[in-house]
Each structure stands twice: as structure tokens, then as C-alpha cells.
């Protein structure tokens, strides 16, 4: 088990176990993870996938910029909304347990993004 104060950048996107107290639990929200676009070139009709960044949870997924990777010509796309992929997510804040800290230490906290089956498990 890791202390919250010892978590560093190399721990991002890895599974770690911590003990702490949940101090804030946000509502369950929907994250649009993948948007699919179709090339408007009648000879091509290729599809392009655009992915959301987990670093920008509330960011919008924009249409691809530049030419189609299939036909290398058209840069005009139409969204295929039926192929979009969405996930539930929830944001929580966990604080170090005060009783496990040294005298005079200030408890640190960390924001955590819960996905899939972890959503709505914390109250």
C-alpha cells in the first residue's frame, strides 16, 4: 500500500492500492470516449475514430483535422453517432488518514477518476 504523499507522475495510469478517507464524491457522469466519423468523399467512405483524453474529462472530441487517412484527399467528415462509445465515470477525492501521519503533518489528498465497475461504489 502506498501513501498518498508518495504517489508520483510515474504512477499515473497504473493500478495502486491506497488507504484513505473519501472526502468528496461526485455524481455519476457520462464520458464520450470515442467518436466515429465517415469521410465525405463518395469513393472513399472510410471511417476515422477520435478518442477522448482522460486528462481532459470534460473536453469535447473534435472532428479530425487534415486529410482522410484512407483516401488522402477529403478533409470533410460526417459523424456516425450510432458508433460512439460512452462510459460512466465518477470523480472522488481521497485524503490520507490523519492517525497514520506523523505529529504536525498535514494530510494530503488526491483526486481520483473512477471508471466502469468502480463507478457509484463509493458513497
Foldseek 3Di string as FASTA:
>chain_A
DDAPVPDDPVCPPPDDDDDFDWPDKFAKDKAFAKWKKFFPPPVGRDIDIFGDDPVCRPDDTDQDAAADPTPNDGRDIDTPVVPTDMWIKIKIKTWHDPVPDDPPDDIDIDIDIDTDPVPPPPD
